[in-house]
Amino acid sequence: MSEFPTRNAHHAIPDDTESSTYRYIIVAAKRARQIQSGARSFLPTTSKKATVTALEEVRRGLVQYEDPIRDAALAARGSKG
């Protein structure tokens, strides 16, 4: 049978060296819960599924989140110079 594509542009996980798949999924899950609770989407969408909308918002960088480990590493780099 045909080979399945490894990446779908609509659901692709960003190729960011400072990001991780785990973080991407956690942030998208939290955003999906916000959308399910009534928060407005940052994107116009035809999808009725909050998860699909949240994944796309996170992939495009529209969702802001804190990463204490990354922030601590950046602060340590900044204080060395």
PDB file of N, CA and C in Angstrom:
ATOM      1  N   MET A   1       0.824  -1.179   0.000  1.00  0.00           N
ATOM      2  CA  MET A   1       0.000   0.000   0.000  1.00  0.00           C
ATOM      3  C   MET A   1       0.875   1.252   0.000  1.00  0.00           C
ATOM      4  N   SER A   2       0.287   2.412  -0.186  1.00  0.00           N
ATOM      5  CA  SER A   2       1.077   3.642  -0.247  1.00  0.00           C
ATOM      6  C   SER A   2       1.611   4.022   1.129  1.00  0.00           C
ATOM      7  N   GLU A   3       2.683   4.765   1.085  1.00  0.00           N
ATOM      8  CA  GLU A   3       3.308   5.217   2.317  1.00  0.00           C
ATOM      9  C   GLU A   3       2.520   6.385   2.901  1.00  0.00           C
ATOM     10  N   PHE A   4       2.323   6.388   4.204  1.00  0.00           N
ATOM     11  CA  PHE A   4       1.625   7.492   4.842  1.00  0.00           C
ATOM     12  C   PHE A   4       2.564   8.683   4.967  1.00  0.00           C
ATOM     13  N   PRO A   5       2.059   9.887   4.766  1.00  0.00           N
ATOM     14  CA  PRO A   5       2.930  11.052   4.938  1.00  0.00           C
ATOM     15  C   PRO A   5       3.303  11.204   6.406  1.00  0.00           C
ATOM     16  N   THR A   6       4.541  11.593   6.651  1.00  0.00           N
ATOM     17  CA  THR A   6       4.993  11.744   8.031  1.00  0.00           C
ATOM     18  C   THR A   6       4.565  13.084   8.613  1.00  0.00           C
ATOM     19  N   ARG A   7       4.263  14.039   7.743  1.00  0.00           N
ATOM     20  CA  ARG A   7       3.864  15.355   8.228  1.00  0.00           C
ATOM     21  C   ARG A   7       2.669  15.855   7.424  1.00  0.00           C
ATOM     22  N   ASN A   8       1.712  16.349   8.107  1.00  0.00           N
ATOM     23  CA  ASN A   8       0.575  16.992   7.488  1.00  0.00           C
ATOM     24  C   ASN A   8       0.725  18.469   7.810  1.00  0.00           C
ATOM     25  N   ALA A   9       0.715  19.316   6.825  1.00  0.00           N
ATOM     26  CA  ALA A   9       0.961  20.747   7.047  1.00  0.00           C
ATOM     27  C   ALA A   9      -0.015  21.336   8.058  1.00  0.00           C
ATOM     28  N   HIS A  10      -1.211  20.806   8.104  1.00  0.00           N
ATOM     29  CA  HIS A  10      -2.216  21.342   9.015  1.00  0.00           C
ATOM     30  C   HIS A  10      -1.923  20.975  10.468  1.00  0.00           C
ATOM     31  N   HIS A  11      -1.265  19.839  10.689  1.00  0.00           N
ATOM     32  CA  HIS A  11      -1.012  19.366  12.044  1.00  0.00           C
ATOM     33  C   HIS A  11       0.473  19.192  12.334  1.00  0.00           C
ATOM     34  N   ALA A  12       1.327  19.854  11.596  1.00  0.00           N
ATOM     35  CA  ALA A  12       2.771  19.673  11.759  1.00  0.00           C
ATOM     36  C   ALA A  12       3.256  20.287  13.065  1.00  0.00           C
ATOM     37  N   ILE A  13       4.145  19.588  13.711  1.00  0.00           N
ATOM     38  CA  ILE A  13       4.778  20.101  14.916  1.00  0.00           C
ATOM     39  C   ILE A  13       5.951  20.965  14.463  1.00  0.00           C
ATOM     40  N   PRO A  14       6.079  22.170  14.985  1.00  0.00           N
ATOM     41  CA  PRO A  14       7.135  23.067  14.517  1.00  0.00           C
ATOM     42  C   PRO A  14       8.531  22.472  14.708  1.00  0.00           C
ATOM     43  N   ASP A  15       9.410  22.734  13.762  1.00  0.00           N
ATOM     44  CA  ASP A  15      10.804  22.291  13.840  1.00  0.00           C
ATOM     45  C   ASP A  15      11.620  23.393  14.509  1.00  0.00           C
ATOM     46  N   ASP A  16      11.510  23.507  15.785  1.00  0.00           N
ATOM     47  CA  ASP A  16      12.205  24.532  16.548  1.00  0.00           C
ATOM     48  C   ASP A  16      13.140  23.836  17.520  1.00  0.00           C
ATOM     49  N   THR A  17      14.438  24.144  17.431  1.00  0.00           N
ATOM     50  CA  THR A  17      15.403  23.459  18.284  1.00  0.00           C
ATOM     51  C   THR A  17      15.217  23.794  19.754  1.00  0.00           C
ATOM     52  N   GLU A  18      14.669  24.969  20.052  1.00  0.00           N
ATOM     53  CA  GLU A  18      14.476  25.349  21.447  1.00  0.00           C
ATOM     54  C   GLU A  18      13.118  24.902  21.975  1.00  0.00           C
ATOM     55  N   SER A  19      12.328  24.295  21.150  1.00  0.00           N
ATOM     56  CA  SER A  19      11.011  23.832  21.547  1.00  0.00           C
ATOM     57  C   SER A  19      11.015  22.310  21.587  1.00  0.00           C
ATOM     58  N   SER A  20      10.025  21.750  22.201  1.00  0.00           N
ATOM     59  CA  SER A  20       9.925  20.301  22.239  1.00  0.00           C
ATOM     60  C   SER A  20       8.508  19.885  21.882  1.00  0.00           C
ATOM     61  N   THR A  21       8.382  18.683  21.411  1.00  0.00           N
ATOM     62  CA  THR A  21       7.070  18.141  21.064  1.00  0.00           C
ATOM     63  C   THR A  21       6.184  18.110  22.294  1.00  0.00           C
ATOM     64  N   TYR A  22       6.751  17.734  23.432  1.00  0.00           N
ATOM     65  CA  TYR A  22       5.989  17.664  24.679  1.00  0.00           C
ATOM     66  C   TYR A  22       5.407  19.035  25.028  1.00  0.00           C
ATOM     67  N   ARG A  23       6.235  20.067  24.968  1.00  0.00           N
ATOM     68  CA  ARG A  23       5.777  21.414  25.313  1.00  0.00           C
ATOM     69  C   ARG A  23       4.681  21.866  24.351  1.00  0.00           C
ATOM     70  N   TYR A  24       4.876  21.578  23.072  1.00  0.00           N
ATOM     71  CA  TYR A  24       3.890  21.941  22.051  1.00  0.00           C
ATOM     72  C   TYR A  24       2.532  21.309  22.354  1.00  0.00           C
ATOM     73  N   ILE A  25       2.527  20.047  22.705  1.00  0.00           N
ATOM     74  CA  ILE A  25       1.285  19.338  22.988  1.00  0.00           C
ATOM     75  C   ILE A  25       0.623  19.871  24.260  1.00  0.00           C
ATOM     76  N   ILE A  26       1.411  20.113  25.288  1.00  0.00           N
ATOM     77  CA  ILE A  26       0.857  20.628  26.554  1.00  0.00           C
ATOM     78  C   ILE A  26       0.239  22.007  26.355  1.00  0.00           C
ATOM     79  N   VAL A  27       0.948  22.897  25.659  1.00  0.00           N
ATOM     80  CA  VAL A  27       0.424  24.244  25.424  1.00  0.00           C
ATOM     81  C   VAL A  27      -0.853  24.172  24.585  1.00  0.00           C
ATOM     82  N   ALA A  28      -0.858  23.325  23.548  1.00  0.00           N
ATOM     83  CA  ALA A  28      -2.050  23.184  22.707  1.00  0.00           C
ATOM     84  C   ALA A  28      -3.226  22.615  23.501  1.00  0.00           C
ATOM     85  N   ALA A  29      -2.962  21.676  24.386  1.00  0.00           N
ATOM     86  CA  ALA A  29      -4.037  21.094  25.196  1.00  0.00           C
ATOM     87  C   ALA A  29      -4.639  22.150  26.131  1.00  0.00           C
ATOM     88  N   LYS A  30      -3.792  22.959  26.738  1.00  0.00           N
ATOM     89  CA  LYS A  30      -4.302  24.018  27.622  1.00  0.00           C
ATOM     90  C   LYS A  30      -5.097  25.052  26.837  1.00  0.00           C
ATOM     91  N   ARG A  31      -4.619  25.372  25.625  1.00  0.00           N
ATOM     92  CA  ARG A  31      -5.338  26.330  24.785  1.00  0.00           C
ATOM     93  C   ARG A  31      -6.686  25.748  24.341  1.00  0.00           C
ATOM     94  N   ALA A  32      -6.717  24.458  24.031  1.00  0.00           N
ATOM     95  CA  ALA A  32      -7.967  23.813  23.630  1.00  0.00           C
ATOM     96  C   ALA A  32      -8.991  23.881  24.765  1.00  0.00           C
ATOM     97  N   ARG A  33      -8.527  23.697  25.985  1.00  0.00           N
ATOM     98  CA  ARG A  33      -9.441  23.809  27.138  1.00  0.00           C
ATOM     99  C   ARG A  33      -9.991  25.223  27.251  1.00  0.00           C
ATOM    100  N   GLN A  34      -9.143  26.225  26.988  1.00  0.00           N
ATOM    101  CA  GLN A  34      -9.612  27.616  27.025  1.00  0.00           C
ATOM    102  C   GLN A  34     -10.696  27.845  25.969  1.00  0.00           C
ATOM    103  N   ILE A  35     -10.462  27.322  24.774  1.00  0.00           N
ATOM    104  CA  ILE A  35     -11.433  27.491  23.686  1.00  0.00           C
ATOM    105  C   ILE A  35     -12.733  26.775  24.028  1.00  0.00           C
ATOM    106  N   GLN A  36     -12.643  25.583  24.595  1.00  0.00           N
ATOM    107  CA  GLN A  36     -13.844  24.835  24.988  1.00  0.00           C
ATOM    108  C   GLN A  36     -14.619  25.567  26.072  1.00  0.00           C
ATOM    109  N   SER A  37     -13.904  26.349  26.884  1.00  0.00           N
ATOM    110  CA  SER A  37     -14.552  27.086  27.972  1.00  0.00           C
ATOM    111  C   SER A  37     -15.122  28.428  27.516  1.00  0.00           C
ATOM    112  N   GLY A  38     -14.971  28.726  26.210  1.00  0.00           N
ATOM    113  CA  GLY A  38     -15.586  29.941  25.696  1.00  0.00           C
ATOM    114  C   GLY A  38     -14.627  31.009  25.199  1.00  0.00           C
ATOM    115  N   ALA A  39     -13.328  30.789  25.296  1.00  0.00           N
ATOM    116  CA  ALA A  39     -12.368  31.775  24.795  1.00  0.00           C
ATOM    117  C   ALA A  39     -12.475  31.856  23.277  1.00  0.00           C
ATOM    118  N   ARG A  40     -12.268  33.044  22.749  1.00  0.00           N
ATOM    119  CA  ARG A  40     -12.314  33.228  21.297  1.00  0.00           C
ATOM    120  C   ARG A  40     -11.027  32.741  20.660  1.00  0.00           C
ATOM    121  N   SER A  41     -11.175  32.202  19.469  1.00  0.00           N
ATOM    122  CA  SER A  41     -10.025  31.731  18.709  1.00  0.00           C
ATOM    123  C   SER A  41      -9.266  32.925  18.141  1.00  0.00           C
ATOM    124  N   PHE A  42      -7.962  32.788  17.996  1.00  0.00           N
ATOM    125  CA  PHE A  42      -7.131  33.820  17.387  1.00  0.00           C
ATOM    126  C   PHE A  42      -7.212  33.756  15.862  1.00  0.00           C
ATOM    127  N   LEU A  43      -7.749  32.669  15.336  1.00  0.00           N
ATOM    128  CA  LEU A  43      -7.830  32.448  13.894  1.00  0.00           C
ATOM    129  C   LEU A  43      -9.273  32.225  13.469  1.00  0.00           C
ATOM    130  N   PRO A  44      -9.616  32.703  12.282  1.00  0.00           N
ATOM    131  CA  PRO A  44     -10.922  32.295  11.750  1.00  0.00           C
ATOM    132  C   PRO A  44     -10.823  30.825  11.354  1.00  0.00           C
ATOM    133  N   THR A  45     -11.763  30.031  11.736  1.00  0.00           N
ATOM    134  CA  THR A  45     -11.672  28.604  11.474  1.00  0.00           C
ATOM    135  C   THR A  45     -13.034  28.027  11.126  1.00  0.00           C
ATOM    136  N   THR A  46     -13.007  26.967  10.352  1.00  0.00           N
ATOM    137  CA  THR A  46     -14.241  26.251  10.043  1.00  0.00           C
ATOM    138  C   THR A  46     -14.352  24.999  10.898  1.00  0.00           C
ATOM    139  N   SER A  47     -13.298  24.684  11.637  1.00  0.00           N
ATOM    140  CA  SER A  47     -13.292  23.493  12.470  1.00  0.00           C
ATOM    141  C   SER A  47     -14.140  23.705  13.715  1.00  0.00           C
ATOM    142  N   LYS A  48     -14.880  22.696  14.057  1.00  0.00           N
ATOM    143  CA  LYS A  48     -15.671  22.756  15.283  1.00  0.00           C
ATOM    144  C   LYS A  48     -14.916  22.130  16.453  1.00  0.00           C
ATOM    145  N   LYS A  49     -13.738  21.614  16.189  1.00  0.00           N
ATOM    146  CA  LYS A  49     -12.956  20.959  17.225  1.00  0.00           C
ATOM    147  C   LYS A  49     -11.935  21.935  17.804  1.00  0.00           C
ATOM    148  N   ALA A  50     -11.993  22.120  19.099  1.00  0.00           N
ATOM    149  CA  ALA A  50     -11.089  23.039  19.779  1.00  0.00           C
ATOM    150  C   ALA A  50      -9.634  22.578  19.670  1.00  0.00           C
ATOM    151  N   THR A  51      -9.422  21.285  19.635  1.00  0.00           N
ATOM    152  CA  THR A  51      -8.060  20.754  19.560  1.00  0.00           C
ATOM    153  C   THR A  51      -7.383  21.150  18.255  1.00  0.00           C
ATOM    154  N   VAL A  52      -8.091  21.028  17.148  1.00  0.00           N
ATOM    155  CA  VAL A  52      -7.525  21.392  15.839  1.00  0.00           C
ATOM    156  C   VAL A  52      -7.183  22.874  15.808  1.00  0.00           C
ATOM    157  N   THR A  53      -8.084  23.695  16.308  1.00  0.00           N
ATOM    158  CA  THR A  53      -7.859  25.137  16.343  1.00  0.00           C
ATOM    159  C   THR A  53      -6.666  25.467  17.228  1.00  0.00           C
ATOM    160  N   ALA A  54      -6.591  24.858  18.392  1.00  0.00           N
ATOM    161  CA  ALA A  54      -5.499  25.126  19.331  1.00  0.00           C
ATOM    162  C   ALA A  54      -4.153  24.708  18.746  1.00  0.00           C
ATOM    163  N   LEU A  55      -4.089  23.549  18.113  1.00  0.00           N
ATOM    164  CA  LEU A  55      -2.828  23.105  17.502  1.00  0.00           C
ATOM    165  C   LEU A  55      -2.344  24.102  16.461  1.00  0.00           C
ATOM    166  N   GLU A  56      -3.256  24.605  15.655  1.00  0.00           N
ATOM    167  CA  GLU A  56      -2.871  25.564  14.611  1.00  0.00           C
ATOM    168  C   GLU A  56      -2.433  26.887  15.221  1.00  0.00           C
ATOM    169  N   GLU A  57      -3.104  27.344  16.268  1.00  0.00           N
ATOM    170  CA  GLU A  57      -2.711  28.587  16.929  1.00  0.00           C
ATOM    171  C   GLU A  57      -1.305  28.478  17.522  1.00  0.00           C
ATOM    172  N   VAL A  58      -1.026  27.363  18.174  1.00  0.00           N
ATOM    173  CA  VAL A  58       0.291  27.173  18.781  1.00  0.00           C
ATOM    174  C   VAL A  58       1.359  27.040  17.698  1.00  0.00           C
ATOM    175  N   ARG A  59       1.052  26.298  16.643  1.00  0.00           N
ATOM    176  CA  ARG A  59       2.011  26.111  15.547  1.00  0.00           C
ATOM    177  C   ARG A  59       2.397  27.443  14.912  1.00  0.00           C
ATOM    178  N   ARG A  60       1.444  28.351  14.795  1.00  0.00           N
ATOM    179  CA  ARG A  60       1.709  29.666  14.199  1.00  0.00           C
ATOM    180  C   ARG A  60       2.322  30.655  15.179  1.00  0.00           C
ATOM    181  N   GLY A  61       2.454  30.276  16.436  1.00  0.00           N
ATOM    182  CA  GLY A  61       3.061  31.166  17.425  1.00  0.00           C
ATOM    183  C   GLY A  61       2.124  32.224  17.964  1.00  0.00           C
ATOM    184  N   LEU A  62       0.833  31.994  17.879  1.00  0.00           N
ATOM    185  CA  LEU A  62      -0.158  32.965  18.342  1.00  0.00           C
ATOM    186  C   LEU A  62      -0.469  32.842  19.827  1.00  0.00           C
ATOM    187  N   VAL A  63      -0.030  31.761  20.439  1.00  0.00           N
ATOM    188  CA  VAL A  63      -0.306  31.522  21.859  1.00  0.00           C
ATOM    189  C   VAL A  63       0.962  31.806  22.648  1.00  0.00           C
ATOM    190  N   GLN A  64       0.875  32.724  23.578  1.00  0.00           N
ATOM    191  CA  GLN A  64       2.011  33.064  24.426  1.00  0.00           C
ATOM    192  C   GLN A  64       2.007  32.167  25.658  1.00  0.00           C
ATOM    193  N   TYR A  65       3.177  31.692  26.040  1.00  0.00           N
ATOM    194  CA  TYR A  65       3.279  30.853  27.234  1.00  0.00           C
ATOM    195  C   TYR A  65       4.636  31.068  27.885  1.00  0.00           C
ATOM    196  N   GLU A  66       4.708  30.734  29.156  1.00  0.00           N
ATOM    197  CA  GLU A  66       5.958  30.864  29.903  1.00  0.00           C
ATOM    198  C   GLU A  66       6.659  29.518  29.954  1.00  0.00           C
ATOM    199  N   ASP A  67       7.956  29.553  29.830  1.00  0.00           N
ATOM    200  CA  ASP A  67       8.779  28.352  29.945  1.00  0.00           C
ATOM    201  C   ASP A  67       9.860  28.668  30.976  1.00  0.00           C
ATOM    202  N   PRO A  68       9.648  28.284  32.240  1.00  0.00           N
ATOM    203  CA  PRO A  68      10.581  28.664  33.295  1.00  0.00           C
ATOM    204  C   PRO A  68      12.002  28.143  33.064  1.00  0.00           C
ATOM    205  N   ILE A  69      12.152  26.972  32.478  1.00  0.00           N
ATOM    206  CA  ILE A  69      13.491  26.423  32.248  1.00  0.00           C
ATOM    207  C   ILE A  69      14.217  27.234  31.190  1.00  0.00           C
ATOM    208  N   ARG A  70      13.538  27.527  30.072  1.00  0.00           N
ATOM    209  CA  ARG A  70      14.151  28.334  29.012  1.00  0.00           C
ATOM    210  C   ARG A  70      14.460  29.739  29.517  1.00  0.00           C
ATOM    211  N   ASP A  71      13.533  30.333  30.278  1.00  0.00           N
ATOM    212  CA  ASP A  71      13.736  31.677  30.788  1.00  0.00           C
ATOM    213  C   ASP A  71      14.934  31.733  31.746  1.00  0.00           C
ATOM    214  N   ALA A  72      15.100  30.707  32.569  1.00  0.00           N
ATOM    215  CA  ALA A  72      16.242  30.657  33.487  1.00  0.00           C
ATOM    216  C   ALA A  72      17.547  30.519  32.711  1.00  0.00           C
ATOM    217  N   ALA A  73      17.543  29.708  31.656  1.00  0.00           N
ATOM    218  CA  ALA A  73      18.752  29.536  30.841  1.00  0.00           C
ATOM    219  C   ALA A  73      19.117  30.836  30.134  1.00  0.00           C
ATOM    220  N   LEU A  74      18.127  31.555  29.627  1.00  0.00           N
ATOM    221  CA  LEU A  74      18.394  32.837  28.962  1.00  0.00           C
ATOM    222  C   LEU A  74      18.911  33.865  29.962  1.00  0.00           C
ATOM    223  N   ALA A  75      18.371  33.853  31.163  1.00  0.00           N
ATOM    224  CA  ALA A  75      18.832  34.786  32.192  1.00  0.00           C
ATOM    225  C   ALA A  75      20.274  34.473  32.590  1.00  0.00           C
ATOM    226  N   ALA A  76      20.614  33.184  32.686  1.00  0.00           N
ATOM    227  CA  ALA A  76      21.973  32.796  33.041  1.00  0.00           C
ATOM    228  C   ALA A  76      22.956  33.215  31.941  1.00  0.00           C
ATOM    229  N   ARG A  77      22.570  33.048  30.686  1.00  0.00           N
ATOM    230  CA  ARG A  77      23.429  33.476  29.573  1.00  0.00           C
ATOM    231  C   ARG A  77      23.630  34.978  29.580  1.00  0.00           C
ATOM    232  N   GLY A  78      22.567  35.712  29.887  1.00  0.00           N
ATOM    233  CA  GLY A  78      22.636  37.170  29.900  1.00  0.00           C
ATOM    234  C   GLY A  78      23.502  37.705  31.031  1.00  0.00           C
ATOM    235  N   SER A  79      23.559  37.020  32.155  1.00  0.00           N
ATOM    236  CA  SER A  79      24.336  37.506  33.303  1.00  0.00           C
ATOM    237  C   SER A  79      25.823  37.184  33.164  1.00  0.00           C
ATOM    238  N   LYS A  80      26.185  36.275  32.261  1.00  0.00           N
ATOM    239  CA  LYS A  80      27.603  35.920  32.078  1.00  0.00           C
ATOM    240  C   LYS A  80      28.368  37.010  31.357  1.00  0.00           C
ATOM    241  N   GLY A  81      27.691  37.769  30.507  1.00  0.00           N
ATOM    242  CA  GLY A  81      28.377  38.750  29.663  1.00  0.00           C
ATOM    243  C   GLY A  81      28.539  40.027  30.302  1.00  0.00           C
TER     244      GLY A  81
END
